[in-house]
């Protein structure tokens, strides 16, 4: 990495930071993961072909990025699981931990917004196979 320009190093650092946020977002209901993974891929594409290829071909993260970029959408099961986790954690938070009514309303508004966005995304048919890994030699960051 010594031969890289400062700009490329900053893109790699940003991509790594965004990837970390994406991983955290997989476990924190109100924090999106896909958007951070997509941003990480964009940063890596500008900073390092090696990091970009690793991310989009990764066993856990790559399929989500490839499916989103190709327009395949999100599987129904993933949407349903996300909605159940979202509303159960919002409900538990509002019931057990939040005692201010306007904060409870804010939580419901946030969950509603996330739900509407999730519903608006294309639902990937269950029979559609996940997009295949991309050969590193033919990748273009677009």
Protein backbone atom coordinates (compact mmCIF):
# COMPACT_ATOMS: atom_id res chain seq x y z
CA UNK A 1 0.00 0.00 0.00
CA UNK A 2 3.05 2.26 0.11
CA UNK A 3 2.87 3.04 -3.62
CA UNK A 4 -0.72 4.28 -3.41
CA UNK A 5 -1.62 7.95 -3.58
CA UNK A 6 -3.09 9.66 -0.54
CA UNK A 7 -6.45 9.85 -2.34
CA UNK A 8 -6.55 6.08 -2.89
CA UNK A 9 -5.53 5.45 0.72
CA UNK A 10 -8.39 7.70 1.89
CA UNK A 11 -10.85 5.79 -0.31
CA UNK A 12 -9.63 2.49 1.16
CA UNK A 13 -9.93 3.88 4.70
CA UNK A 14 -13.43 5.17 3.95
CA UNK A 15 -14.40 1.83 2.42
CA UNK A 16 -13.15 -0.03 5.48
CA UNK A 17 -15.02 2.34 7.81
CA UNK A 18 -18.22 1.96 5.77
CA UNK A 19 -17.83 -1.81 5.69
CA UNK A 20 -17.57 -1.76 9.49
CA UNK A 21 -20.79 0.29 9.68
CA UNK A 22 -22.45 -2.19 7.31
CA UNK A 23 -21.46 -5.10 9.55
CA UNK A 24 -22.78 -3.28 12.62
CA UNK A 25 -25.97 -2.53 10.68
CA UNK A 26 -26.59 -6.25 10.30
CA UNK A 27 -27.15 -6.44 14.05
CA UNK A 28 -28.62 -3.00 14.88
CA UNK A 29 -32.22 -2.76 13.61
CA UNK A 30 -32.42 0.96 12.77
CA UNK A 31 -29.01 1.04 11.14
CA UNK A 32 -29.02 0.01 7.48
CA UNK A 33 -26.43 -2.45 6.28
CA UNK A 34 -26.98 -2.55 2.52
CA UNK A 35 -26.44 1.17 2.00
CA UNK A 36 -23.12 1.04 3.87
CA UNK A 37 -22.04 -2.04 1.92
CA UNK A 38 -22.86 -0.27 -1.35
CA UNK A 39 -20.95 2.83 -0.25
CA UNK A 40 -18.01 0.65 0.83
CA UNK A 41 -17.99 -0.98 -2.61
CA UNK A 42 -18.00 2.45 -4.28
CA UNK A 43 -15.11 3.65 -2.10
CA UNK A 44 -13.11 0.47 -2.67
CA UNK A 45 -13.73 0.71 -6.43
CA UNK A 46 -12.00 4.09 -6.40
CA UNK A 47 -9.24 3.07 -4.01
CA UNK A 48 -8.23 -0.50 -4.76
CA UNK A 49 -9.26 -3.16 -7.26
CA UNK A 50 -8.12 -5.82 -4.77
CA UNK A 51 -10.39 -4.58 -1.97
CA UNK A 52 -13.29 -4.03 -4.38
CA UNK A 53 -12.98 -7.53 -5.84
CA UNK A 54 -12.73 -9.03 -2.35
CA UNK A 55 -15.89 -7.24 -1.20
CA UNK A 56 -18.15 -7.95 -4.16
CA UNK A 57 -17.07 -11.59 -4.21
CA UNK A 58 -17.26 -12.06 -0.44
CA UNK A 59 -19.34 -15.03 0.74
CA UNK A 60 -21.59 -12.94 3.03
CA UNK A 61 -21.51 -9.40 1.64
CA UNK A 62 -20.92 -9.85 -2.09
CA UNK A 63 -24.26 -11.38 -3.00
CA UNK A 64 -26.19 -8.49 -1.45
CA UNK A 65 -24.16 -5.94 -3.37
CA UNK A 66 -24.33 -7.85 -6.67
CA UNK A 67 -28.09 -8.50 -6.33
CA UNK A 68 -28.81 -4.86 -5.54
CA UNK A 69 -26.65 -3.54 -8.37
CA UNK A 70 -28.16 -5.96 -10.89
CA UNK A 71 -31.72 -5.04 -9.85
CA UNK A 72 -32.67 -8.52 -8.59
CA UNK A 73 -34.05 -7.11 -5.34
CA UNK A 74 -34.34 -8.56 -1.82
CA UNK A 75 -35.80 -12.01 -1.10
CA UNK A 76 -39.20 -12.01 0.64
CA UNK A 77 -37.82 -14.01 3.56
CA UNK A 78 -35.13 -11.37 4.17
CA UNK A 79 -37.71 -8.57 3.97
CA UNK A 80 -39.99 -10.37 6.41
CA UNK A 81 -37.18 -11.12 8.87
CA UNK A 82 -36.03 -7.50 8.72
CA UNK A 83 -39.56 -6.21 9.33
CA UNK A 84 -40.12 -8.56 12.26
CA UNK A 85 -36.82 -7.62 13.89
CA UNK A 86 -37.38 -3.93 13.22
CA UNK A 87 -40.86 -3.78 14.75
CA UNK A 88 -40.08 -6.10 17.66
CA UNK A 89 -37.05 -4.05 18.70
CA UNK A 90 -38.87 -0.75 18.19
CA UNK A 91 -41.83 -2.08 20.17
CA UNK A 92 -39.65 -3.37 23.00
CA UNK A 93 -37.66 -0.15 23.10
CA UNK A 94 -40.79 1.98 23.17
CA UNK A 95 -42.47 -0.13 25.82
CA UNK A 96 -39.60 -0.88 28.19
CA UNK A 97 -37.08 1.94 27.80
CA UNK A 98 -38.72 5.06 26.40
CA UNK A 99 -41.13 6.97 28.61
CA UNK A 100 -41.45 10.21 26.64
CA UNK A 101 -44.42 10.11 24.29
CA UNK A 102 -42.84 12.17 21.48
CA UNK A 103 -39.79 9.86 21.46
CA UNK A 104 -42.12 6.85 21.17
CA UNK A 105 -43.84 8.56 18.24
CA UNK A 106 -40.48 9.31 16.66
CA UNK A 107 -39.51 5.63 16.94
CA UNK A 108 -42.75 4.61 15.24
CA UNK A 109 -42.20 7.20 12.48
CA UNK A 110 -38.65 5.96 11.88
CA UNK A 111 -39.79 2.33 11.80
CA UNK A 112 -42.63 3.27 9.44
CA UNK A 113 -40.21 5.05 7.10
CA UNK A 114 -37.81 2.12 7.07
CA UNK A 115 -40.72 -0.27 6.49
CA UNK A 116 -42.05 1.78 3.58
CA UNK A 117 -38.60 1.86 2.00
CA UNK A 118 -38.18 -1.88 2.47
CA UNK A 119 -41.60 -2.60 0.97
CA UNK A 120 -40.82 -0.32 -1.99
CA UNK A 121 -37.75 -2.37 -2.91
CA UNK A 122 -38.20 -5.06 -5.52
CA UNK A 123 -38.85 -8.52 -4.07
CA UNK A 124 -36.46 -11.06 -5.51
CA UNK A 125 -38.22 -14.28 -6.54
CA UNK A 126 -37.19 -17.20 -4.32
CA UNK A 127 -36.35 -19.33 -7.35
CA UNK A 128 -33.84 -16.79 -8.65
CA UNK A 129 -30.31 -17.81 -7.82
CA UNK A 130 -28.06 -15.26 -6.21
CA UNK A 131 -25.95 -13.45 -8.75
CA UNK A 132 -22.67 -15.18 -9.40
CA UNK A 133 -19.31 -13.79 -8.30
CA UNK A 134 -17.73 -11.49 -10.82
CA UNK A 135 -14.39 -12.30 -12.40
CA UNK A 136 -11.84 -9.73 -11.16
CA UNK A 137 -10.47 -9.14 -14.66
CA UNK A 138 -13.80 -7.86 -16.01
CA UNK A 139 -14.90 -5.59 -13.16
CA UNK A 140 -15.49 -1.95 -13.82
CA UNK A 141 -16.47 0.28 -10.87
CA UNK A 142 -18.88 2.28 -13.04
